């Protein structure tokens, strides 16, 4: 699923229209729209319905970023139920060939006037959204204020799922990092499926693990092959000219800023790492495995140079989501000393 602001497809921004192109390998593909204007969201939905090869259109009702909130979009829509109703009904009305879905958080900000559920109110929106025309719901188990500083509240996700009045597909989201967690959530928290976010960026083979119900101690060389595939797909999509190369490099670097958090299963003594752990520096089983674990952006740049050649003069990279923003820790052998990530790395 790709994300775009509602105004961009309508205005014909080529960089955004490129994001809407479906890759031949994508069996299910959706477009998520962020916006706060009813007319603009409706026009964007109609444009996508008529011009984009996708299976569903998703309303972004969960983004925690202030820049998006200033547009009246993202999780801020949750606090304006009447306005949200207008957006959902209008988009549902213009979509003729695509399903309409919506992803939200447990609340925009906790409402201190509400005594139940610590001021969260997604449970009140669930039956309303069904009536307004949403075909499926995704709930991220945190408020916008929490960002990633707390673990997702799956008990509250279960509560919201139970508020459905129709058999609307209900998908839970938050912290899934291995196949066992996915199985547990589906079995005990009332969800039809689990959406994977950061877990797929940290270990993109997670879906293979879920399908095959196993932990994969993937080698460093196999991980490098995945990086090669990513690079090849990027060049096919963005082009192999200098602009395409640097666009591919930027997206690759953003991914590597998450991928470095992966702790190889073979280095763990007890259990697979949790998504909120802050791994201490470790020495891998090969030089490549050690480099892939580096949180130094210079090492990520070197990895891109293995695939895309030298970076331009004066090049620098700062992660968009600050996913490597761990506190400095002393070195430790293997990642058995991993600690909870209290500051919520990814934004």
C-alpha atoms as a PDB file:
ATOM      1  CA  UNK A   1       0.000   0.000   0.000  1.00  0.00           C
ATOM      2  CA  UNK A   2       1.382   3.408  -0.943  1.00  0.00           C
ATOM      3  CA  UNK A   3       0.542   6.769   0.647  1.00  0.00           C
ATOM      4  CA  UNK A   4      -0.191  10.021  -1.145  1.00  0.00           C
ATOM      5  CA  UNK A   5      -1.649  13.374  -0.147  1.00  0.00           C
ATOM      6  CA  UNK A   6      -5.064  13.912  -1.720  1.00  0.00           C
ATOM      7  CA  UNK A   7      -3.922  16.998  -3.654  1.00  0.00           C
ATOM      8  CA  UNK A   8      -0.944  15.394  -5.393  1.00  0.00           C
ATOM      9  CA  UNK A   9      -2.573  12.938  -7.844  1.00  0.00           C
ATOM     10  CA  UNK A  10      -5.078  15.597  -8.903  1.00  0.00           C
ATOM     11  CA  UNK A  11      -2.350  18.149  -9.595  1.00  0.00           C
ATOM     12  CA  UNK A  12      -0.425  15.582 -11.595  1.00  0.00           C
ATOM     13  CA  UNK A  13       2.838  15.537  -9.618  1.00  0.00           C
ATOM     14  CA  UNK A  14       4.852  12.954 -11.518  1.00  0.00           C
ATOM     15  CA  UNK A  15       6.830  11.826  -8.477  1.00  0.00           C
ATOM     16  CA  UNK A  16       3.595  10.972  -6.686  1.00  0.00           C
ATOM     17  CA  UNK A  17       1.907   9.427  -9.706  1.00  0.00           C
ATOM     18  CA  UNK A  18       4.905   7.108  -9.988  1.00  0.00           C
ATOM     19  CA  UNK A  19       4.170   5.816  -6.489  1.00  0.00           C
ATOM     20  CA  UNK A  20       0.735   4.731  -7.667  1.00  0.00           C
ATOM     21  CA  UNK A  21       2.115   2.298 -10.226  1.00  0.00           C
ATOM     22  CA  UNK A  22       1.541  -1.310  -9.292  1.00  0.00           C
ATOM     23  CA  UNK A  23       4.450  -3.740  -9.581  1.00  0.00           C
ATOM     24  CA  UNK A  24       3.714  -6.982 -11.380  1.00  0.00           C
ATOM     25  CA  UNK A  25       4.611  -8.956  -8.233  1.00  0.00           C
ATOM     26  CA  UNK A  26       1.987  -7.195  -6.083  1.00  0.00           C
ATOM     27  CA  UNK A  27      -1.028  -9.488  -5.784  1.00  0.00           C
ATOM     28  CA  UNK A  28      -2.918  -6.977  -3.642  1.00  0.00           C
ATOM     29  CA  UNK A  29      -2.241  -3.268  -3.998  1.00  0.00           C
ATOM     30  CA  UNK A  30      -3.923  -0.302  -2.356  1.00  0.00           C
ATOM     31  CA  UNK A  31      -3.529   3.468  -2.313  1.00  0.00           C
ATOM     32  CA  UNK A  32      -3.788   5.349   0.980  1.00  0.00           C
ATOM     33  CA  UNK A  33      -4.925   8.980   0.813  1.00  0.00           C
ATOM     34  CA  UNK A  34      -4.246  11.636   3.447  1.00  0.00           C
ATOM     35  CA  UNK A  35      -6.294  14.811   3.433  1.00  0.00           C
ATOM     36  CA  UNK A  36      -8.764  16.895   5.379  1.00  0.00           C
ATOM     37  CA  UNK A  37     -10.887  18.475   2.647  1.00  0.00           C
ATOM     38  CA  UNK A  38     -14.041  16.575   1.697  1.00  0.00           C
ATOM     39  CA  UNK A  39     -14.100  17.725  -1.930  1.00  0.00           C
ATOM     40  CA  UNK A  40     -10.401  17.075  -2.472  1.00  0.00           C
ATOM     41  CA  UNK A  41     -10.553  13.601  -0.910  1.00  0.00           C
ATOM     42  CA  UNK A  42     -13.554  12.771  -3.074  1.00  0.00           C
ATOM     43  CA  UNK A  43     -11.801  13.978  -6.244  1.00  0.00           C
ATOM     44  CA  UNK A  44      -8.675  12.007  -5.374  1.00  0.00           C
ATOM     45  CA  UNK A  45     -10.745   8.860  -4.809  1.00  0.00           C
ATOM     46  CA  UNK A  46     -12.512   9.315  -8.142  1.00  0.00           C
ATOM     47  CA  UNK A  47      -9.201   9.880  -9.938  1.00  0.00           C
ATOM     48  CA  UNK A  48      -7.750   6.705  -8.442  1.00  0.00           C
ATOM     49  CA  UNK A  49     -10.911   4.731  -9.169  1.00  0.00           C
ATOM     50  CA  UNK A  50     -10.760   5.689 -12.843  1.00  0.00           C
ATOM     51  CA  UNK A  51      -7.017   5.762 -13.494  1.00  0.00           C
ATOM     52  CA  UNK A  52      -5.073   3.581 -11.048  1.00  0.00           C
ATOM     53  CA  UNK A  53      -4.700  -0.196 -11.045  1.00  0.00           C
ATOM     54  CA  UNK A  54      -5.368  -1.007  -7.392  1.00  0.00           C
ATOM     55  CA  UNK A  55      -7.718  -3.100  -5.280  1.00  0.00           C
ATOM     56  CA  UNK A  56      -8.699  -0.630  -2.576  1.00  0.00           C
ATOM     57  CA  UNK A  57      -8.438   2.991  -1.477  1.00  0.00           C
ATOM     58  CA  UNK A  58      -7.572   3.623   2.164  1.00  0.00           C
ATOM     59  CA  UNK A  59      -8.262   6.746   4.226  1.00  0.00           C
ATOM     60  CA  UNK A  60      -5.289   7.757   6.368  1.00  0.00           C
ATOM     61  CA  UNK A  61      -6.884   8.455   9.723  1.00  0.00           C
ATOM     62  CA  UNK A  62      -3.831   7.556  11.779  1.00  0.00           C
ATOM     63  CA  UNK A  63      -0.798   9.628  10.769  1.00  0.00           C
ATOM     64  CA  UNK A  64       0.699  11.224  13.924  1.00  0.00           C
ATOM     65  CA  UNK A  65       2.761  13.922  12.182  1.00  0.00           C
ATOM     66  CA  UNK A  66       2.060  17.574  13.025  1.00  0.00           C
ATOM     67  CA  UNK A  67       2.558  18.616   9.396  1.00  0.00           C
ATOM     68  CA  UNK A  68      -0.295  16.325   8.370  1.00  0.00           C
ATOM     69  CA  UNK A  69      -2.453  17.465  11.299  1.00  0.00           C
ATOM     70  CA  UNK A  70      -2.102  21.077  10.168  1.00  0.00           C
ATOM     71  CA  UNK A  71      -3.845  20.015   6.963  1.00  0.00           C
ATOM     72  CA  UNK A  72      -6.702  18.634   9.043  1.00  0.00           C
ATOM     73  CA  UNK A  73      -5.672  15.123   8.057  1.00  0.00           C
ATOM     74  CA  UNK A  74      -4.274  11.963   9.599  1.00  0.00           C
ATOM     75  CA  UNK A  75      -5.357  11.087  13.121  1.00  0.00           C
ATOM     76  CA  UNK A  76      -6.819  14.569  13.562  1.00  0.00           C
ATOM     77  CA  UNK A  77      -9.832  13.398  11.556  1.00  0.00           C
ATOM     78  CA  UNK A  78     -10.738  11.099  14.439  1.00  0.00           C
ATOM     79  CA  UNK A  79     -11.491  14.118  16.624  1.00  0.00           C
ATOM     80  CA  UNK A  80     -13.896  15.549  14.026  1.00  0.00           C
ATOM     81  CA  UNK A  81     -16.448  12.786  13.556  1.00  0.00           C
ATOM     82  CA  UNK A  82     -18.872  14.903  11.531  1.00  0.00           C
ATOM     83  CA  UNK A  83     -16.167  15.928   9.088  1.00  0.00           C
ATOM     84  CA  UNK A  84     -14.873  12.361   8.892  1.00  0.00           C
ATOM     85  CA  UNK A  85     -18.384  11.162   8.083  1.00  0.00           C
ATOM     86  CA  UNK A  86     -18.533  13.548   5.138  1.00  0.00           C
ATOM     87  CA  UNK A  87     -15.219  12.287   3.774  1.00  0.00           C
ATOM     88  CA  UNK A  88     -16.146   8.616   4.141  1.00  0.00           C
ATOM     89  CA  UNK A  89     -19.604   8.988   2.609  1.00  0.00           C
ATOM     90  CA  UNK A  90     -18.345  11.030  -0.351  1.00  0.00           C
ATOM     91  CA  UNK A  91     -15.444   8.708  -1.100  1.00  0.00           C
ATOM     92  CA  UNK A  92     -17.644   5.643  -0.746  1.00  0.00           C
ATOM     93  CA  UNK A  93     -20.076   7.199  -3.193  1.00  0.00           C
ATOM     94  CA  UNK A  94     -17.535   7.864  -5.956  1.00  0.00           C
ATOM     95  CA  UNK A  95     -15.634   4.569  -5.706  1.00  0.00           C
ATOM     96  CA  UNK A  96     -17.234   2.247  -8.247  1.00  0.00           C
ATOM     97  CA  UNK A  97     -14.552  -0.414  -8.757  1.00  0.00           C
ATOM     98  CA  UNK A  98     -12.460  -0.237  -5.570  1.00  0.00           C
ATOM     99  CA  UNK A  99     -13.191  -1.006  -1.938  1.00  0.00           C
ATOM    100  CA  UNK A 100     -12.909   1.777   0.652  1.00  0.00           C
ATOM    101  CA  UNK A 101     -10.918   1.011   3.797  1.00  0.00           C
ATOM    102  CA  UNK A 102      -9.764   3.153   6.710  1.00  0.00           C
ATOM    103  CA  UNK A 103      -6.792   2.974   9.067  1.00  0.00           C
ATOM    104  CA  UNK A 104      -6.950   4.790  12.389  1.00  0.00           C
ATOM    105  CA  UNK A 105      -5.382   4.891  15.841  1.00  0.00           C
ATOM    106  CA  UNK A 106      -6.985   4.327  19.229  1.00  0.00           C
ATOM    107  CA  UNK A 107      -7.486   8.118  19.410  1.00  0.00           C
ATOM    108  CA  UNK A 108      -5.991  11.324  18.066  1.00  0.00           C
ATOM    109  CA  UNK A 109      -5.204  12.571  21.546  1.00  0.00           C
ATOM    110  CA  UNK A 110      -6.671  11.131  24.731  1.00  0.00           C
ATOM    111  CA  UNK A 111      -9.933  12.903  25.648  1.00  0.00           C
ATOM    112  CA  UNK A 112      -9.836  13.580  29.390  1.00  0.00           C
ATOM    113  CA  UNK A 113     -13.605  14.048  29.397  1.00  0.00           C
ATOM    114  CA  UNK A 114     -14.045  10.351  28.679  1.00  0.00           C
ATOM    115  CA  UNK A 115     -13.739   8.129  31.736  1.00  0.00           C
ATOM    116  CA  UNK A 116     -13.569   4.810  29.924  1.00  0.00           C
ATOM    117  CA  UNK A 117     -10.530   3.363  28.150  1.00  0.00           C
ATOM    118  CA  UNK A 118      -8.178   6.134  29.321  1.00  0.00           C
ATOM    119  CA  UNK A 119      -9.802   8.703  27.071  1.00  0.00           C
ATOM    120  CA  UNK A 120      -9.562   6.675  23.875  1.00  0.00           C
ATOM    121  CA  UNK A 121     -12.564   6.594  21.573  1.00  0.00           C
ATOM    122  CA  UNK A 122     -11.907   4.468  18.492  1.00  0.00           C
ATOM    123  CA  UNK A 123     -14.467   1.972  19.827  1.00  0.00           C
ATOM    124  CA  UNK A 124     -17.178   4.599  19.338  1.00  0.00           C
ATOM    125  CA  UNK A 125     -16.153   5.208  15.731  1.00  0.00           C
ATOM    126  CA  UNK A 126     -16.117   1.564  14.635  1.00  0.00           C
ATOM    127  CA  UNK A 127     -19.904   1.051  14.217  1.00  0.00           C
ATOM    128  CA  UNK A 128     -20.305   4.541  12.751  1.00  0.00           C
ATOM    129  CA  UNK A 129     -17.651   3.918  10.103  1.00  0.00           C
ATOM    130  CA  UNK A 130     -19.411   0.713   9.096  1.00  0.00           C
ATOM    131  CA  UNK A 131     -22.617   2.649   8.550  1.00  0.00           C
ATOM    132  CA  UNK A 132     -20.873   5.397   6.595  1.00  0.00           C
ATOM    133  CA  UNK A 133     -19.551   2.982   3.973  1.00  0.00           C
ATOM    134  CA  UNK A 134     -16.166   1.593   5.011  1.00  0.00           C
ATOM    135  CA  UNK A 135     -15.527  -1.947   3.728  1.00  0.00           C
ATOM    136  CA  UNK A 136     -12.701  -2.823   6.133  1.00  0.00           C
ATOM    137  CA  UNK A 137     -11.049  -1.269   9.185  1.00  0.00           C
ATOM    138  CA  UNK A 138      -7.452  -1.224  10.383  1.00  0.00           C
ATOM    139  CA  UNK A 139      -6.705  -0.188  13.962  1.00  0.00           C
ATOM    140  CA  UNK A 140      -3.220   0.772  15.156  1.00  0.00           C
ATOM    141  CA  UNK A 141      -3.119   0.118  18.891  1.00  0.00           C
ATOM    142  CA  UNK A 142      -1.666   3.478  19.959  1.00  0.00           C
ATOM    143  CA  UNK A 143      -2.775   7.106  20.090  1.00  0.00           C
ATOM    144  CA  UNK A 144      -1.091   9.726  17.939  1.00  0.00           C
ATOM    145  CA  UNK A 145       0.405  11.255  21.077  1.00  0.00           C
ATOM    146  CA  UNK A 146       2.065   7.959  21.976  1.00  0.00           C
ATOM    147  CA  UNK A 147       3.722   7.555  18.575  1.00  0.00           C
ATOM    148  CA  UNK A 148       5.884   4.482  19.259  1.00  0.00           C
ATOM    149  CA  UNK A 149       6.789   5.191  22.885  1.00  0.00           C
ATOM    150  CA  UNK A 150       4.468   2.459  24.174  1.00  0.00           C
ATOM    151  CA  UNK A 151       3.618  -1.013  22.995  1.00  0.00           C
ATOM    152  CA  UNK A 152       0.372  -1.344  21.064  1.00  0.00           C
ATOM    153  CA  UNK A 153      -2.657  -2.092  23.244  1.00  0.00           C
ATOM    154  CA  UNK A 154      -4.044  -5.284  21.748  1.00  0.00           C
ATOM    155  CA  UNK A 155      -6.646  -5.660  24.489  1.00  0.00           C
ATOM    156  CA  UNK A 156      -8.179  -2.378  23.341  1.00  0.00           C
ATOM    157  CA  UNK A 157      -7.969  -3.542  19.723  1.00  0.00           C
ATOM    158  CA  UNK A 158     -10.045  -6.545  20.816  1.00  0.00           C
ATOM    159  CA  UNK A 159     -12.553  -4.217  22.497  1.00  0.00           C
ATOM    160  CA  UNK A 160     -12.937  -2.193  19.294  1.00  0.00           C
ATOM    161  CA  UNK A 161     -13.324  -5.307  17.176  1.00  0.00           C
ATOM    162  CA  UNK A 162     -16.184  -6.371  19.421  1.00  0.00           C
ATOM    163  CA  UNK A 163     -18.057  -3.122  18.716  1.00  0.00           C
ATOM    164  CA  UNK A 164     -18.725  -4.091  15.097  1.00  0.00           C
ATOM    165  CA  UNK A 165     -22.349  -4.397  14.064  1.00  0.00           C
ATOM    166  CA  UNK A 166     -21.541  -5.988  10.695  1.00  0.00           C
ATOM    167  CA  UNK A 167     -19.032  -8.668   9.642  1.00  0.00           C
ATOM    168  CA  UNK A 168     -16.665  -5.932   8.479  1.00  0.00           C
ATOM    169  CA  UNK A 169     -13.091  -7.244   8.156  1.00  0.00           C
ATOM    170  CA  UNK A 170     -11.109  -5.919  11.113  1.00  0.00           C
ATOM    171  CA  UNK A 171      -7.309  -5.780  10.996  1.00  0.00           C
ATOM    172  CA  UNK A 172      -5.090  -5.115  14.000  1.00  0.00           C
ATOM    173  CA  UNK A 173      -1.767  -3.300  13.766  1.00  0.00           C
ATOM    174  CA  UNK A 174       1.116  -2.815  16.158  1.00  0.00           C
ATOM    175  CA  UNK A 175       4.507  -4.351  16.948  1.00  0.00           C
ATOM    176  CA  UNK A 176       4.152  -7.674  15.091  1.00  0.00           C
ATOM    177  CA  UNK A 177       7.667  -8.985  14.610  1.00  0.00           C
ATOM    178  CA  UNK A 178       7.320 -12.748  14.187  1.00  0.00           C
ATOM    179  CA  UNK A 179       4.823 -15.341  13.029  1.00  0.00           C
ATOM    180  CA  UNK A 180       3.931 -16.453  16.551  1.00  0.00           C
ATOM    181  CA  UNK A 181       2.756 -12.963  17.489  1.00  0.00           C
ATOM    182  CA  UNK A 182       0.586 -12.809  14.373  1.00  0.00           C
ATOM    183  CA  UNK A 183      -0.970 -16.188  15.185  1.00  0.00           C
ATOM    184  CA  UNK A 184      -1.614 -15.131  18.769  1.00  0.00           C
ATOM    185  CA  UNK A 185      -3.319 -11.875  17.787  1.00  0.00           C
ATOM    186  CA  UNK A 186      -5.627 -13.600  15.317  1.00  0.00           C
ATOM    187  CA  UNK A 187      -6.513 -16.258  17.882  1.00  0.00           C
ATOM    188  CA  UNK A 188      -7.057 -14.060  20.948  1.00  0.00           C
ATOM    189  CA  UNK A 189      -7.709 -10.443  19.951  1.00  0.00           C
ATOM    190  CA  UNK A 190     -10.712 -10.681  17.657  1.00  0.00           C
ATOM    191  CA  UNK A 191      -8.977  -9.635  14.450  1.00  0.00           C
ATOM    192  CA  UNK A 192      -9.344 -11.159  11.009  1.00  0.00           C
ATOM    193  CA  UNK A 193      -5.771 -10.340  10.077  1.00  0.00           C
ATOM    194  CA  UNK A 194      -2.705  -8.410  11.214  1.00  0.00           C
ATOM    195  CA  UNK A 195      -1.101  -5.487   9.406  1.00  0.00           C
ATOM    196  CA  UNK A 196       2.679  -5.460   9.564  1.00  0.00           C
ATOM    197  CA  UNK A 197       4.552  -2.156   9.423  1.00  0.00           C
ATOM    198  CA  UNK A 198       7.976  -1.662  10.982  1.00  0.00           C
ATOM    199  CA  UNK A 199       8.414  -5.416  11.328  1.00  0.00           C
ATOM    200  CA  UNK A 200       8.474  -5.758   7.542  1.00  0.00           C
ATOM    201  CA  UNK A 201      11.041  -2.971   7.222  1.00  0.00           C
ATOM    202  CA  UNK A 202      13.281  -4.558   9.827  1.00  0.00           C
ATOM    203  CA  UNK A 203      12.951  -8.086   8.409  1.00  0.00           C
ATOM    204  CA  UNK A 204      11.135  -8.175   5.041  1.00  0.00           C
ATOM    205  CA  UNK A 205      11.224 -11.987   5.050  1.00  0.00           C
ATOM    206  CA  UNK A 206       8.696 -11.839   7.919  1.00  0.00           C
ATOM    207  CA  UNK A 207       5.889 -12.757   5.520  1.00  0.00           C
ATOM    208  CA  UNK A 208       7.716 -15.953   4.563  1.00  0.00           C
ATOM    209  CA  UNK A 209       8.008 -16.774   8.265  1.00  0.00           C
ATOM    210  CA  UNK A 210       4.277 -16.133   8.760  1.00  0.00           C
ATOM    211  CA  UNK A 211       3.327 -18.273   5.764  1.00  0.00           C
ATOM    212  CA  UNK A 212       5.640 -21.133   6.717  1.00  0.00           C
ATOM    213  CA  UNK A 213       5.285 -20.708  10.512  1.00  0.00           C
ATOM    214  CA  UNK A 214       8.991 -20.754  11.226  1.00  0.00           C
ATOM    215  CA  UNK A 215      11.830 -18.548  12.402  1.00  0.00           C
ATOM    216  CA  UNK A 216      14.327 -17.986   9.609  1.00  0.00           C
ATOM    217  CA  UNK A 217      17.961 -17.540  10.577  1.00  0.00           C
ATOM    218  CA  UNK A 218      18.697 -15.765   7.327  1.00  0.00           C
ATOM    219  CA  UNK A 219      22.345 -15.335   6.355  1.00  0.00           C
ATOM    220  CA  UNK A 220      24.041 -12.018   5.667  1.00  0.00           C
ATOM    221  CA  UNK A 221      24.553 -12.993   2.019  1.00  0.00           C
ATOM    222  CA  UNK A 222      20.837 -13.743   1.644  1.00  0.00           C
ATOM    223  CA  UNK A 223      20.054 -10.350   3.146  1.00  0.00           C
ATOM    224  CA  UNK A 224      22.433  -8.726   0.670  1.00  0.00           C
ATOM    225  CA  UNK A 225      20.550 -10.485  -2.132  1.00  0.00           C
ATOM    226  CA  UNK A 226      17.352  -8.832  -0.877  1.00  0.00           C
ATOM    227  CA  UNK A 227      19.097  -5.463  -1.004  1.00  0.00           C
ATOM    228  CA  UNK A 228      20.157  -6.192  -4.586  1.00  0.00           C
ATOM    229  CA  UNK A 229      16.557  -7.047  -5.469  1.00  0.00           C
ATOM    230  CA  UNK A 230      15.362  -3.816  -3.859  1.00  0.00           C
ATOM    231  CA  UNK A 231      17.911  -1.853  -5.874  1.00  0.00           C
ATOM    232  CA  UNK A 232      16.927  -3.560  -9.109  1.00  0.00           C
ATOM    233  CA  UNK A 233      13.247  -2.867  -8.504  1.00  0.00           C
ATOM    234  CA  UNK A 234      14.064   0.754  -7.734  1.00  0.00           C
ATOM    235  CA  UNK A 235      15.986   1.251 -10.963  1.00  0.00           C
ATOM    236  CA  UNK A 236      13.220  -0.452 -12.943  1.00  0.00           C
ATOM    237  CA  UNK A 237      10.675   1.855 -11.329  1.00  0.00           C
ATOM    238  CA  UNK A 238      12.517   5.183 -11.142  1.00  0.00           C
ATOM    239  CA  UNK A 239      14.885   4.719 -14.073  1.00  0.00           C
ATOM    240  CA  UNK A 240      18.639   4.186 -14.334  1.00  0.00           C
ATOM    241  CA  UNK A 241      19.491   7.809 -15.097  1.00  0.00           C
ATOM    242  CA  UNK A 242      21.249   9.877 -12.383  1.00  0.00           C
ATOM    243  CA  UNK A 243      17.939  11.053 -10.946  1.00  0.00           C
ATOM    244  CA  UNK A 244      16.555   7.516 -10.818  1.00  0.00           C
ATOM    245  CA  UNK A 245      19.738   6.226  -9.200  1.00  0.00           C
ATOM    246  CA  UNK A 246      19.651   8.835  -6.443  1.00  0.00           C
ATOM    247  CA  UNK A 247      15.926   8.345  -5.847  1.00  0.00           C
ATOM    248  CA  UNK A 248      16.540   4.618  -5.491  1.00  0.00           C
ATOM    249  CA  UNK A 249      19.460   5.347  -3.158  1.00  0.00           C
ATOM    250  CA  UNK A 250      17.297   7.560  -0.947  1.00  0.00           C
ATOM    251  CA  UNK A 251      14.604   4.922  -0.537  1.00  0.00           C
ATOM    252  CA  UNK A 252      17.236   2.243   0.030  1.00  0.00           C
ATOM    253  CA  UNK A 253      18.867   4.307   2.767  1.00  0.00           C
ATOM    254  CA  UNK A 254      15.514   4.846   4.462  1.00  0.00           C
ATOM    255  CA  UNK A 255      14.963   1.101   4.445  1.00  0.00           C
ATOM    256  CA  UNK A 256      18.472   0.356   5.758  1.00  0.00           C
ATOM    257  CA  UNK A 257      17.818   2.735   8.657  1.00  0.00           C
ATOM    258  CA  UNK A 258      15.206   0.207   9.807  1.00  0.00           C
ATOM    259  CA  UNK A 259      16.890  -2.976   8.596  1.00  0.00           C
ATOM    260  CA  UNK A 260      19.913  -2.388  10.826  1.00  0.00           C
ATOM    261  CA  UNK A 261      17.683  -3.121  13.830  1.00  0.00           C
ATOM    262  CA  UNK A 262      17.412  -6.800  12.908  1.00  0.00           C
ATOM    263  CA  UNK A 263      19.062  -9.161  15.375  1.00  0.00           C
ATOM    264  CA  UNK A 264      19.894 -12.539  13.780  1.00  0.00           C
ATOM    265  CA  UNK A 265      17.989 -15.422  15.340  1.00  0.00           C
ATOM    266  CA  UNK A 266      21.203 -17.420  15.554  1.00  0.00           C
ATOM    267  CA  UNK A 267      22.727 -14.873  17.927  1.00  0.00           C
ATOM    268  CA  UNK A 268      19.868 -14.956  20.413  1.00  0.00           C
ATOM    269  CA  UNK A 269      20.066 -17.331  23.355  1.00  0.00           C
ATOM    270  CA  UNK A 270      16.458 -17.281  24.534  1.00  0.00           C
ATOM    271  CA  UNK A 271      13.869 -15.922  22.113  1.00  0.00           C
ATOM    272  CA  UNK A 272      13.454 -13.871  18.976  1.00  0.00           C
ATOM    273  CA  UNK A 273      13.888 -10.130  19.459  1.00  0.00           C
ATOM    274  CA  UNK A 274      10.881  -7.938  20.205  1.00  0.00           C
ATOM    275  CA  UNK A 275      10.251  -4.820  18.161  1.00  0.00           C
ATOM    276  CA  UNK A 276      10.755  -2.488  21.143  1.00  0.00           C
ATOM    277  CA  UNK A 277      14.146  -3.902  22.087  1.00  0.00           C
ATOM    278  CA  UNK A 278      17.172  -1.668  21.668  1.00  0.00           C
ATOM    279  CA  UNK A 279      19.934  -4.054  20.555  1.00  0.00           C
ATOM    280  CA  UNK A 280      23.383  -3.261  21.808  1.00  0.00           C
ATOM    281  CA  UNK A 281      26.221  -3.283  19.269  1.00  0.00           C
ATOM    282  CA  UNK A 282      27.355  -6.797  18.460  1.00  0.00           C
ATOM    283  CA  UNK A 283      29.864  -8.586  16.263  1.00  0.00           C
ATOM    284  CA  UNK A 284      28.146 -10.623  13.590  1.00  0.00           C
ATOM    285  CA  UNK A 285      29.103 -14.024  12.260  1.00  0.00           C
ATOM    286  CA  UNK A 286      30.724 -12.316   9.270  1.00  0.00           C
ATOM    287  CA  UNK A 287      31.991  -8.852   8.429  1.00  0.00           C
ATOM    288  CA  UNK A 288      28.926  -8.312   6.257  1.00  0.00           C
ATOM    289  CA  UNK A 289      26.530  -9.243   9.064  1.00  0.00           C
ATOM    290  CA  UNK A 290      28.323  -6.803  11.353  1.00  0.00           C
ATOM    291  CA  UNK A 291      28.075  -4.007   8.775  1.00  0.00           C
ATOM    292  CA  UNK A 292      24.361  -4.689   8.221  1.00  0.00           C
ATOM    293  CA  UNK A 293      23.837  -4.192  11.966  1.00  0.00           C
ATOM    294  CA  UNK A 294      25.587  -0.824  12.038  1.00  0.00           C
ATOM    295  CA  UNK A 295      23.523   2.181  13.121  1.00  0.00           C
ATOM    296  CA  UNK A 296      26.049   4.531  11.521  1.00  0.00           C
ATOM    297  CA  UNK A 297      24.541   6.119   8.418  1.00  0.00           C
ATOM    298  CA  UNK A 298      27.984   6.163   6.773  1.00  0.00           C
ATOM    299  CA  UNK A 299      27.891   2.364   6.707  1.00  0.00           C
ATOM    300  CA  UNK A 300      24.464   2.440   5.075  1.00  0.00           C
ATOM    301  CA  UNK A 301      25.826   4.790   2.423  1.00  0.00           C
ATOM    302  CA  UNK A 302      28.690   2.355   1.764  1.00  0.00           C
ATOM    303  CA  UNK A 303      26.169  -0.444   1.262  1.00  0.00           C
ATOM    304  CA  UNK A 304      24.311   1.642  -1.326  1.00  0.00           C
ATOM    305  CA  UNK A 305      27.615   2.314  -3.079  1.00  0.00           C
ATOM    306  CA  UNK A 306      28.042  -1.443  -3.481  1.00  0.00           C
ATOM    307  CA  UNK A 307      24.827  -1.402  -5.522  1.00  0.00           C
ATOM    308  CA  UNK A 308      24.618   2.055  -7.079  1.00  0.00           C
ATOM    309  CA  UNK A 309      28.146   3.417  -7.276  1.00  0.00           C
ATOM    310  CA  UNK A 310      29.690   6.355  -5.453  1.00  0.00           C
ATOM    311  CA  UNK A 311      27.458   9.008  -3.984  1.00  0.00           C
ATOM    312  CA  UNK A 312      27.658  12.557  -5.386  1.00  0.00           C
ATOM    313  CA  UNK A 313      30.079  15.018  -3.792  1.00  0.00           C
ATOM    314  CA  UNK A 314      28.728  16.541  -0.600  1.00  0.00           C
ATOM    315  CA  UNK A 315      26.165  13.772  -0.116  1.00  0.00           C
ATOM    316  CA  UNK A 316      24.754  13.240   3.367  1.00  0.00           C
ATOM    317  CA  UNK A 317      21.818  11.298   4.752  1.00  0.00           C
ATOM    318  CA  UNK A 318      19.601  11.821   7.792  1.00  0.00           C
ATOM    319  CA  UNK A 319      16.894   9.181   8.360  1.00  0.00           C
ATOM    320  CA  UNK A 320      13.408  10.557   7.854  1.00  0.00           C
ATOM    321  CA  UNK A 321      11.990   8.526  10.712  1.00  0.00           C
ATOM    322  CA  UNK A 322      15.051   8.545  12.985  1.00  0.00           C
ATOM    323  CA  UNK A 323      14.698   4.801  13.303  1.00  0.00           C
ATOM    324  CA  UNK A 324      18.267   4.509  14.530  1.00  0.00           C
ATOM    325  CA  UNK A 325      17.820   7.002  17.363  1.00  0.00           C
ATOM    326  CA  UNK A 326      18.972   4.745  20.158  1.00  0.00           C
ATOM    327  CA  UNK A 327      20.795   6.020  23.195  1.00  0.00           C
ATOM    328  CA  UNK A 328      24.505   5.288  23.114  1.00  0.00           C
ATOM    329  CA  UNK A 329      25.231   1.995  24.833  1.00  0.00           C
ATOM    330  CA  UNK A 330      28.408   0.094  25.549  1.00  0.00           C
ATOM    331  CA  UNK A 331      29.353  -2.734  23.253  1.00  0.00           C
ATOM    332  CA  UNK A 332      28.181  -6.248  24.049  1.00  0.00           C
ATOM    333  CA  UNK A 333      28.722  -9.667  22.565  1.00  0.00           C
ATOM    334  CA  UNK A 334      25.871 -10.950  20.398  1.00  0.00           C
ATOM    335  CA  UNK A 335      22.496  -9.383  20.876  1.00  0.00           C
ATOM    336  CA  UNK A 336      21.526 -11.303  23.977  1.00  0.00           C
ATOM    337  CA  UNK A 337      21.740  -8.086  26.003  1.00  0.00           C
ATOM    338  CA  UNK A 338      18.982  -6.370  24.038  1.00  0.00           C
ATOM    339  CA  UNK A 339      16.937  -3.899  26.052  1.00  0.00           C
ATOM    340  CA  UNK A 340      13.470  -2.398  25.570  1.00  0.00           C
ATOM    341  CA  UNK A 341      13.435   0.558  23.191  1.00  0.00           C
ATOM    342  CA  UNK A 342      11.926   3.090  25.569  1.00  0.00           C
ATOM    343  CA  UNK A 343      12.204   6.060  23.261  1.00  0.00           C
ATOM    344  CA  UNK A 344      10.273   4.471  20.388  1.00  0.00           C
ATOM    345  CA  UNK A 345      12.714   4.605  17.546  1.00  0.00           C
ATOM    346  CA  UNK A 346      10.606   4.987  14.445  1.00  0.00           C
ATOM    347  CA  UNK A 347       8.324   7.939  13.909  1.00  0.00           C
END
